[in-house]
Protein backbone atom coordinates (compact mmCIF):
# COMPACT_ATOMS: atom_id res chain seq x y z
CA UNK A 1 11.34 -28.67 30.76
CA UNK A 2 15.01 -27.27 30.20
CA UNK A 3 14.15 -27.30 26.42
CA UNK A 4 11.22 -25.26 26.84
CA UNK A 5 12.93 -22.86 29.00
CA UNK A 6 15.89 -22.53 26.52
CA UNK A 7 13.31 -21.98 23.47
CA UNK A 8 11.76 -19.10 25.59
CA UNK A 9 15.02 -17.47 26.15
CA UNK A 10 15.94 -17.63 22.55
CA UNK A 11 12.68 -16.07 21.66
CA UNK A 12 13.12 -13.31 24.03
CA UNK A 13 16.54 -12.67 22.85
CA UNK A 14 15.55 -12.48 19.27
CA UNK A 15 12.64 -10.16 20.44
CA UNK A 16 15.14 -7.57 22.08
CA UNK A 17 17.49 -7.70 19.05
CA UNK A 18 14.40 -6.89 16.51
CA UNK A 19 13.70 -4.12 18.88
CA UNK A 20 17.06 -2.81 19.12
CA UNK A 21 17.36 -2.71 15.24
CA UNK A 22 13.82 -1.08 14.79
CA UNK A 23 14.61 1.53 17.29
CA UNK A 24 18.16 2.22 15.66
CA UNK A 25 16.15 3.39 12.31
CA UNK A 26 15.98 6.96 11.93
CA UNK A 27 12.22 8.24 12.51
CA UNK A 28 12.64 10.33 9.35
CA UNK A 29 12.36 6.99 7.32
CA UNK A 30 9.14 5.78 8.86
CA UNK A 31 6.13 5.81 6.57
CA UNK A 32 3.53 8.58 7.35
CA UNK A 33 0.03 7.82 7.81
CA UNK A 34 -0.79 9.46 4.53
CA UNK A 35 1.65 7.44 2.66
CA UNK A 36 -0.09 4.38 3.81
CA UNK A 37 -3.30 5.50 3.10
CA UNK A 38 -2.14 6.28 -0.46
CA UNK A 39 -0.79 2.85 -0.72
CA UNK A 40 -3.96 1.18 0.33
CA UNK A 41 -6.21 3.25 -1.65
CA UNK A 42 -4.25 2.51 -4.93
CA UNK A 43 -4.41 -1.11 -4.06
CA UNK A 44 -0.66 -1.24 -3.89
CA UNK A 45 -0.94 -3.95 -1.16
CA UNK A 46 -2.97 -6.37 -3.41
CA UNK A 47 -1.12 -9.16 -5.40
CA UNK A 48 -1.96 -11.93 -7.57
CA UNK A 49 -3.54 -15.22 -7.04
CA UNK A 50 -0.26 -16.94 -7.75
CA UNK A 51 2.94 -16.92 -5.24
CA UNK A 52 6.34 -17.47 -6.37
CA UNK A 53 8.51 -19.04 -3.56
CA UNK A 54 11.11 -16.16 -3.60
CA UNK A 55 8.15 -13.74 -2.77
CA UNK A 56 6.67 -15.83 0.03
CA UNK A 57 8.45 -13.62 3.09
CA UNK A 58 6.76 -10.32 1.38
CA UNK A 59 3.29 -11.66 1.94
CA UNK A 60 1.06 -10.85 4.97
CA UNK A 61 -2.05 -12.76 4.52
CA UNK A 62 -4.17 -14.53 1.71
CA UNK A 63 -7.89 -13.46 0.97
CA UNK A 64 -10.82 -16.10 0.43
CA UNK A 65 -10.56 -15.69 -3.36
CA UNK A 66 -6.99 -16.58 -3.38
CA UNK A 67 -5.41 -13.23 -3.81
CA UNK A 68 -2.18 -12.55 -1.78
CA UNK A 69 -1.84 -9.44 0.41
CA UNK A 70 1.56 -7.71 0.69
CA UNK A 71 3.27 -6.36 4.03
CA UNK A 72 3.24 -2.71 3.32
CA UNK A 73 5.94 -2.20 6.06
CA UNK A 74 8.36 -4.42 3.94
CA UNK A 75 7.24 -2.48 0.92
CA UNK A 76 8.14 0.82 2.55
CA UNK A 77 11.39 -0.66 3.72
CA UNK A 78 12.17 -1.72 0.01
CA UNK A 79 11.25 1.71 -1.40
CA UNK A 80 13.65 3.43 1.10
CA UNK A 81 16.36 1.07 0.20
CA UNK A 82 16.02 1.38 -3.34
CA UNK A 83 15.95 5.25 -3.09
CA UNK A 84 19.12 5.03 -0.92
CA UNK A 85 20.85 3.12 -3.79
CA UNK A 86 19.58 5.44 -6.54
CA UNK A 87 20.89 8.55 -4.46
CA UNK A 88 24.41 6.97 -4.09
CA UNK A 89 24.73 7.17 -7.83
CA UNK A 90 26.79 10.23 -8.42
CA UNK A 91 25.65 10.92 -12.10
CA UNK A 92 21.95 10.76 -12.33
CA UNK A 93 22.18 10.11 -16.08
CA UNK A 94 23.91 6.51 -15.32
CA UNK A 95 20.52 5.37 -13.98
CA UNK A 96 18.47 3.62 -16.58
CA UNK A 97 14.61 3.42 -15.71
CA UNK A 98 12.73 1.04 -18.09
CA UNK A 99 8.98 0.09 -18.70
CA UNK A 100 7.65 -1.67 -21.66
CA UNK A 101 3.89 -1.66 -20.72
CA UNK A 102 1.74 1.10 -21.52
CA UNK A 103 0.83 1.72 -17.68
CA UNK A 104 4.57 2.34 -16.60
CA UNK A 105 5.60 4.48 -19.53
CA UNK A 106 4.24 7.91 -18.18
CA UNK A 107 5.60 7.26 -14.75
CA UNK A 108 9.02 6.36 -16.04
CA UNK A 109 9.06 9.38 -18.08
CA UNK A 110 8.23 11.62 -15.13
CA UNK A 111 10.62 9.81 -12.87
CA UNK A 112 13.28 10.48 -15.18
CA UNK A 113 12.19 14.09 -15.48
CA UNK A 114 12.24 14.92 -11.78
CA UNK A 115 15.45 12.84 -10.83
CA UNK A 116 17.78 13.17 -13.92
CA UNK A 117 17.69 9.55 -15.03
CA UNK A 118 17.53 8.27 -18.43
CA UNK A 119 14.19 6.62 -19.43
CA UNK A 120 13.45 3.90 -21.84
CA UNK A 121 9.72 4.00 -22.56
CA UNK A 122 8.38 1.05 -24.66
CA UNK A 123 10.05 -1.80 -26.33
CA UNK A 124 13.57 -2.55 -25.40
CA UNK A 125 16.01 -3.09 -28.31
CA UNK A 126 17.98 -6.30 -27.62
CA UNK A 127 21.66 -5.78 -27.23
CA UNK A 128 21.23 -2.11 -25.96
CA UNK A 129 23.62 -3.19 -22.64
CA UNK A 130 25.51 -5.69 -24.35
CA UNK A 131 26.25 -4.82 -28.12
CA UNK A 132 28.74 -1.97 -28.27
CA UNK A 133 28.56 -1.77 -32.11
CA UNK A 134 24.84 -0.76 -31.68
CA UNK A 135 24.33 2.83 -32.14
CA UNK A 136 22.10 3.11 -28.82
CA UNK A 137 24.46 1.29 -26.86
CA UNK A 138 24.21 2.18 -23.28
CA UNK A 139 25.81 1.02 -20.17
CA UNK A 140 23.97 2.24 -16.95
CA UNK A 141 25.33 1.71 -13.23
CA UNK A 142 21.87 1.07 -12.06
CA UNK A 143 18.80 -0.48 -13.70
CA UNK A 144 15.37 0.15 -12.40
CA UNK A 145 12.42 -1.90 -14.17
CA UNK A 146 8.65 -1.88 -13.74
CA UNK A 147 7.90 -5.40 -14.12
CA UNK A 148 10.48 -8.33 -14.29
CA UNK A 149 8.15 -10.55 -16.24
CA UNK A 150 7.77 -8.25 -19.11
CA UNK A 151 11.10 -6.57 -18.97
CA UNK A 152 12.89 -9.94 -18.67
CA UNK A 153 15.49 -8.99 -21.56
CA UNK A 154 17.02 -6.02 -19.88
CA UNK A 155 17.33 -7.93 -16.70
CA UNK A 156 19.32 -10.75 -18.36
CA UNK A 157 21.62 -8.21 -20.24
CA UNK A 158 22.26 -6.25 -17.13
CA UNK A 159 23.23 -9.62 -15.39
CA UNK A 160 25.91 -10.02 -18.09
CA UNK A 161 27.23 -6.73 -17.25
CA UNK A 162 27.10 -6.90 -13.57
CA UNK A 163 24.52 -3.93 -13.40
CA UNK A 164 22.54 -3.69 -10.15
CA UNK A 165 18.63 -4.17 -10.80
CA UNK A 166 15.82 -2.81 -8.83
CA UNK A 167 12.30 -3.98 -9.86
CA UNK A 168 8.67 -3.53 -8.86
CA UNK A 169 7.51 -7.32 -8.34
CA UNK A 170 4.23 -8.66 -7.65
CA UNK A 171 3.63 -11.97 -5.90
CA UNK A 172 4.16 -14.14 -8.91
CA UNK A 173 7.51 -12.34 -9.91
CA UNK A 174 10.64 -14.38 -10.55
CA UNK A 175 13.58 -12.72 -8.58
CA UNK A 176 16.43 -14.16 -10.65
CA UNK A 177 18.93 -11.41 -11.42
CA UNK A 178 17.07 -8.82 -9.20
CA UNK A 179 19.10 -7.28 -6.36
CA UNK A 180 16.36 -5.25 -4.81
CA UNK A 181 12.75 -6.41 -5.12
CA UNK A 182 9.85 -4.02 -4.15
CA UNK A 183 7.06 -6.08 -3.41
CA UNK A 184 3.79 -4.19 -4.60
CA UNK A 185 1.05 -4.29 -7.31
CA UNK A 186 2.65 -3.57 -10.63
CA UNK A 187 -0.43 -4.52 -12.66
CA UNK A 188 -2.81 -1.51 -12.04
CA UNK A 189 -1.89 1.89 -13.27
CA UNK A 190 -2.94 3.84 -10.14
CA UNK A 191 -0.43 1.50 -7.96
CA UNK A 192 2.31 1.71 -10.49
CA UNK A 193 2.10 5.65 -10.71
CA UNK A 194 2.01 5.92 -6.80
CA UNK A 195 5.10 3.55 -6.41
CA UNK A 196 7.21 5.72 -8.92
CA UNK A 197 5.80 8.94 -7.10
CA UNK A 198 6.93 7.52 -3.72
CA UNK A 199 10.43 6.49 -4.89
CA UNK A 200 11.19 9.86 -7.01
CA UNK A 201 10.02 11.69 -3.70
CA UNK A 202 12.15 9.63 -1.53
CA UNK A 203 15.31 10.02 -3.95
CA UNK A 204 14.91 13.87 -3.78
CA UNK A 205 14.77 13.99 -0.07
CA UNK A 206 17.81 11.80 0.29
CA UNK A 207 19.61 14.25 -2.11
CA UNK A 208 18.51 17.31 0.02
CA UNK A 209 16.56 18.75 -2.80
CA UNK A 210 13.16 18.36 -0.89
CA UNK A 211 12.53 18.87 2.68
CA UNK A 212 10.68 16.10 4.44
CA UNK A 213 8.55 18.47 6.41
CA UNK A 214 7.17 20.13 3.22
CA UNK A 215 4.74 18.56 0.74
CA UNK A 216 5.96 17.70 -2.48
CA UNK A 217 4.20 20.19 -5.23
CA UNK A 218 4.19 17.43 -7.86
CA UNK A 219 0.69 15.69 -7.69
CA UNK A 220 0.61 11.59 -8.05
CA UNK A 221 -1.83 12.25 -10.95
CA UNK A 222 1.21 13.36 -13.05
CA UNK A 223 2.64 9.77 -12.79
CA UNK A 224 -0.47 7.75 -13.42
CA UNK A 225 -1.27 6.65 -16.81
CA UNK A 226 -4.12 8.19 -18.89
CA UNK A 227 -5.90 6.68 -21.83
CA UNK A 228 -5.66 8.68 -24.96
CA UNK A 229 -9.42 7.44 -26.05
CA UNK A 230 -10.66 8.87 -22.49
CA UNK A 231 -8.85 12.07 -23.03
CA UNK A 232 -10.32 12.72 -26.66
CA UNK A 233 -13.74 11.60 -25.47
CA UNK A 234 -13.60 14.17 -22.80
CA UNK A 235 -12.50 16.93 -25.32
CA UNK A 236 -15.29 16.06 -27.81
CA UNK A 237 -18.11 15.51 -25.42
CA UNK A 238 -20.95 17.88 -26.20
CA UNK A 239 -21.91 20.48 -23.63
CA UNK A 240 -25.73 20.39 -22.89
CA UNK A 241 -26.89 23.85 -21.90
CA UNK A 242 -28.84 24.24 -18.89
CA UNK A 243 -32.07 26.07 -19.36
CA UNK A 244 -32.21 27.30 -15.60
CA UNK A 245 -28.45 28.21 -15.65
CA UNK A 246 -29.16 32.07 -15.23
CA UNK A 247 -31.74 31.68 -12.49
CA UNK A 248 -30.80 32.22 -8.90
CA UNK A 249 -33.33 31.17 -6.24
CA UNK A 250 -32.76 32.62 -2.87
CA UNK A 251 -35.51 30.42 -1.17
CA UNK A 252 -38.24 28.07 -1.93
CA UNK A 253 -40.98 30.65 -1.49
CA UNK A 254 -39.78 32.87 -4.09
CA UNK A 255 -39.11 30.49 -6.85
CA UNK A 256 -42.58 31.33 -8.64
CA UNK A 257 -41.46 35.06 -8.66
CA UNK A 258 -38.16 34.54 -10.22
CA UNK A 259 -39.39 32.16 -13.02
CA UNK A 260 -40.37 33.89 -16.22
CA UNK A 261 -44.16 34.43 -16.61
CA UNK A 262 -45.68 32.35 -19.35
CA UNK A 263 -49.35 33.01 -20.65
CA UNK A 264 -52.04 30.25 -19.78
CA UNK A 265 -52.62 27.89 -22.79
CA UNK A 266 -55.65 29.29 -24.74
CA UNK A 267 -55.33 32.84 -23.78
CA UNK A 268 -53.62 34.22 -27.01
CA UNK A 269 -55.80 31.67 -29.06
CA UNK A 270 -59.03 33.29 -27.65
CA UNK A 271 -57.92 36.94 -28.37
CA UNK A 272 -56.76 35.78 -31.85
CA UNK A 273 -60.14 34.26 -32.64
CA UNK A 274 -62.17 37.01 -31.44
CA UNK A 275 -60.17 39.43 -33.58
CA UNK A 276 -60.59 37.30 -36.51
CA UNK A 277 -64.19 37.05 -36.06
CA UNK A 278 -64.64 40.96 -35.84
CA UNK A 279 -62.68 41.41 -39.06
CA UNK A 280 -65.00 38.68 -40.82
CA UNK A 281 -68.03 40.57 -39.83
CA UNK A 282 -66.64 43.84 -40.89
CA UNK A 283 -65.64 42.53 -44.30
CA UNK A 284 -69.27 40.93 -44.86
CA UNK A 285 -71.06 44.13 -44.00
């Protein structure tokens, strides 16, 4: 009995500490309902069917098909933490954002445009962070990658130079050499674009360039990848004219009055045949 009472008291103490810590967080950093709805609509909470042991405490549950579901509260906390680390860098040009996959290149370029960071979209040249003889040598103070699995080479080089690393990590990601892991879906283009959009907006808010009470005028669609083939298909798609495009119907009773009048079938043919017979009789007479 004393052991059970001690456990209950210890649990209540931990609960009180957790409540105090949550109450001490500024309400301005809480996620809004629209932000959570955006994350759910873009499937940012949906992970993969594999789980790495380092990502276990970010997972909320698992579906029947084996797909892991992230805790969006932890995802938002890590987005805010990453934004605070980015805003702490005095020179935005010392921040390097990188994405080698096609789905993340547009989002990286837009993030760099709005925050002043330096973007590397596409293939990463080995030795960019370590080889000083190289022409494109660059030594950032902070590195942000879209996928720690595909962008493994820059993460390894940043560990050699003691560069802090922020990464959007899926449930099967390896967190080695990753300092701030943002648990989210980094496989779908909608989720990737939304994550970079939320991070850029939070950075601008922390820098004082954007008010929290006003909506950001940049749409999320600007960060989402667009397939060039789909864009060309929409441009070259033939426009089929509508035969009734110029007709306006006030009600169903006047539909017949507004339609163009067409002669009945056989009316013109009967008149033409009568005229032809008269002309034939005149010629024979």
